[in-house]
Structure formats: structure tokens, C-alpha cells
N, C-alpha and C. Protein backbone atom coordinates (compact mmCIF):
# COMPACT_ATOMS: atom_id res chain seq x y z
N UNK A 1 -11.60 -11.06 -32.22
CA UNK A 1 -12.08 -9.79 -31.71
C UNK A 1 -11.42 -9.46 -30.38
N UNK A 2 -11.01 -10.48 -29.60
CA UNK A 2 -10.38 -10.26 -28.31
C UNK A 2 -8.89 -9.98 -28.51
N UNK A 3 -8.45 -8.76 -28.20
CA UNK A 3 -7.05 -8.36 -28.41
C UNK A 3 -6.20 -8.57 -27.16
N UNK A 4 -6.77 -9.13 -26.10
CA UNK A 4 -6.02 -9.35 -24.88
C UNK A 4 -5.08 -10.54 -25.04
N UNK A 5 -3.84 -10.36 -24.60
CA UNK A 5 -2.88 -11.45 -24.63
C UNK A 5 -3.00 -12.26 -23.34
N UNK A 6 -2.54 -13.47 -23.35
CA UNK A 6 -2.55 -14.28 -22.14
C UNK A 6 -1.56 -13.74 -21.13
N UNK A 7 -0.42 -13.24 -21.62
CA UNK A 7 0.61 -12.65 -20.75
C UNK A 7 1.20 -11.43 -21.44
N UNK A 8 1.64 -10.47 -20.64
CA UNK A 8 2.30 -9.27 -21.15
C UNK A 8 3.69 -9.17 -20.57
N UNK A 9 4.67 -8.75 -21.37
CA UNK A 9 6.03 -8.55 -20.91
C UNK A 9 6.18 -7.10 -20.47
N UNK A 10 6.10 -6.88 -19.15
CA UNK A 10 6.13 -5.52 -18.62
C UNK A 10 7.51 -4.89 -18.72
N UNK A 11 8.55 -5.68 -18.95
CA UNK A 11 9.89 -5.11 -19.07
C UNK A 11 10.04 -4.31 -20.36
N UNK A 12 9.19 -4.54 -21.33
CA UNK A 12 9.26 -3.82 -22.61
C UNK A 12 8.45 -2.53 -22.59
N UNK A 13 7.67 -2.33 -21.54
CA UNK A 13 6.82 -1.13 -21.47
C UNK A 13 7.63 0.08 -21.03
N UNK A 14 7.26 1.24 -21.53
CA UNK A 14 7.87 2.49 -21.09
C UNK A 14 7.18 2.92 -19.79
N UNK A 15 7.98 3.17 -18.77
CA UNK A 15 7.40 3.57 -17.49
C UNK A 15 7.61 5.07 -17.28
N UNK A 16 6.73 5.65 -16.47
CA UNK A 16 6.89 7.06 -16.10
C UNK A 16 6.29 7.25 -14.72
N UNK A 17 6.73 8.28 -14.06
CA UNK A 17 6.23 8.57 -12.72
C UNK A 17 4.81 9.10 -12.80
N UNK A 18 4.05 8.84 -11.77
CA UNK A 18 2.67 9.34 -11.70
C UNK A 18 2.72 10.85 -11.49
N UNK A 19 2.21 11.65 -12.43
CA UNK A 19 2.28 13.11 -12.27
C UNK A 19 1.35 13.63 -11.19
N UNK A 20 0.41 12.83 -10.73
CA UNK A 20 -0.55 13.27 -9.73
C UNK A 20 -0.19 12.83 -8.31
N UNK A 21 0.87 12.07 -8.16
CA UNK A 21 1.21 11.51 -6.84
C UNK A 21 1.48 12.61 -5.81
N UNK A 22 2.16 13.66 -6.20
CA UNK A 22 2.47 14.72 -5.24
C UNK A 22 1.22 15.45 -4.78
N UNK A 23 0.18 15.45 -5.58
CA UNK A 23 -1.07 16.12 -5.21
C UNK A 23 -1.94 15.25 -4.32
N UNK A 24 -1.68 13.94 -4.30
CA UNK A 24 -2.49 13.02 -3.52
C UNK A 24 -2.02 12.90 -2.08
N UNK A 25 -0.75 13.19 -1.82
CA UNK A 25 -0.19 12.99 -0.50
C UNK A 25 -0.20 14.29 0.30
N UNK A 26 -0.73 14.22 1.51
CA UNK A 26 -0.72 15.36 2.42
C UNK A 26 -0.39 14.86 3.81
N UNK A 27 0.44 15.60 4.54
CA UNK A 27 0.72 15.18 5.91
C UNK A 27 -0.52 15.36 6.79
N UNK A 28 -0.75 14.39 7.68
CA UNK A 28 -1.91 14.43 8.56
C UNK A 28 -1.46 14.06 9.96
N UNK A 29 -2.00 14.74 10.95
CA UNK A 29 -1.71 14.43 12.34
C UNK A 29 -3.00 13.98 13.01
N UNK A 30 -2.93 12.83 13.68
CA UNK A 30 -4.08 12.30 14.40
C UNK A 30 -3.71 12.13 15.86
N UNK A 31 -4.56 12.59 16.72
CA UNK A 31 -4.35 12.38 18.16
C UNK A 31 -5.10 11.12 18.57
N UNK A 32 -4.36 10.15 19.10
CA UNK A 32 -4.96 8.89 19.51
C UNK A 32 -4.73 8.66 20.99
N UNK A 33 -5.70 8.05 21.63
CA UNK A 33 -5.54 7.69 23.03
C UNK A 33 -4.55 6.54 23.14
N UNK A 34 -3.92 6.41 24.29
CA UNK A 34 -2.91 5.37 24.48
C UNK A 34 -3.49 3.97 24.31
N UNK A 35 -4.74 3.76 24.74
CA UNK A 35 -5.32 2.43 24.60
C UNK A 35 -5.60 2.10 23.13
N UNK A 36 -5.87 3.09 22.31
CA UNK A 36 -6.05 2.86 20.87
C UNK A 36 -4.73 2.46 20.24
N UNK A 37 -3.65 3.15 20.63
CA UNK A 37 -2.32 2.82 20.10
C UNK A 37 -1.94 1.40 20.52
N UNK A 38 -2.21 1.04 21.76
CA UNK A 38 -1.93 -0.30 22.25
C UNK A 38 -2.70 -1.36 21.48
N UNK A 39 -3.97 -1.09 21.21
CA UNK A 39 -4.79 -2.01 20.44
C UNK A 39 -4.22 -2.20 19.04
N UNK A 40 -3.87 -1.11 18.38
CA UNK A 40 -3.34 -1.20 17.01
C UNK A 40 -2.00 -1.93 16.98
N UNK A 41 -1.17 -1.74 17.99
CA UNK A 41 0.09 -2.47 18.06
C UNK A 41 -0.16 -3.97 18.23
N UNK A 42 -1.17 -4.32 19.02
CA UNK A 42 -1.53 -5.72 19.20
C UNK A 42 -2.02 -6.34 17.90
N UNK A 43 -2.85 -5.61 17.17
CA UNK A 43 -3.35 -6.10 15.88
C UNK A 43 -2.18 -6.27 14.91
N UNK A 44 -1.25 -5.32 14.91
CA UNK A 44 -0.09 -5.41 14.01
C UNK A 44 0.78 -6.60 14.38
N UNK A 45 0.94 -6.89 15.66
CA UNK A 45 1.75 -8.02 16.09
C UNK A 45 1.09 -9.34 15.65
N UNK A 46 -0.24 -9.44 15.81
CA UNK A 46 -0.94 -10.66 15.37
C UNK A 46 -0.81 -10.84 13.86
N UNK A 47 -0.93 -9.76 13.12
CA UNK A 47 -0.81 -9.84 11.66
C UNK A 47 0.60 -10.26 11.26
N UNK A 48 1.61 -9.73 11.95
CA UNK A 48 2.98 -10.09 11.66
C UNK A 48 3.23 -11.57 11.92
N UNK A 49 2.63 -12.10 13.00
CA UNK A 49 2.78 -13.53 13.29
C UNK A 49 2.09 -14.37 12.21
N UNK A 50 0.93 -13.94 11.77
CA UNK A 50 0.22 -14.69 10.72
C UNK A 50 0.99 -14.69 9.41
N UNK A 51 1.65 -13.58 9.10
CA UNK A 51 2.40 -13.48 7.86
C UNK A 51 3.80 -14.06 7.98
N UNK A 52 4.19 -14.43 9.20
CA UNK A 52 5.50 -15.03 9.40
C UNK A 52 6.64 -14.05 9.40
N UNK A 53 6.34 -12.79 9.75
CA UNK A 53 7.41 -11.77 9.77
C UNK A 53 8.13 -11.78 11.08
């Protein structure tokens, strides 16, 4: 009754672009304080060190 395979060969599948992708993306502008930008850069640096980048 279970039609699921243990593995699927994705190279044999027909691929196509997502027709809705262009409708999902919109440009957005956010104004951030300098201390917020500094905090986010610090978080990104810590994450990069953890990931070994």
C-alpha cells in the first residue's frame, strides 16, 4: 500500500521554474538605526565563525 520509494533519482525529473516566484518578491526599504546595523553585523560575524566561513 505504501508507494513511497526509499530514494528518488531527481535527475530524471522534469524541472520547471516557479510561475509564482515573480509575484512573491517585492523590493522593501527599511530604515535601521546604526546600533541595530552594528548588532546585526556582530551576529553575522559570530555565525560566520561558527560555520567556519
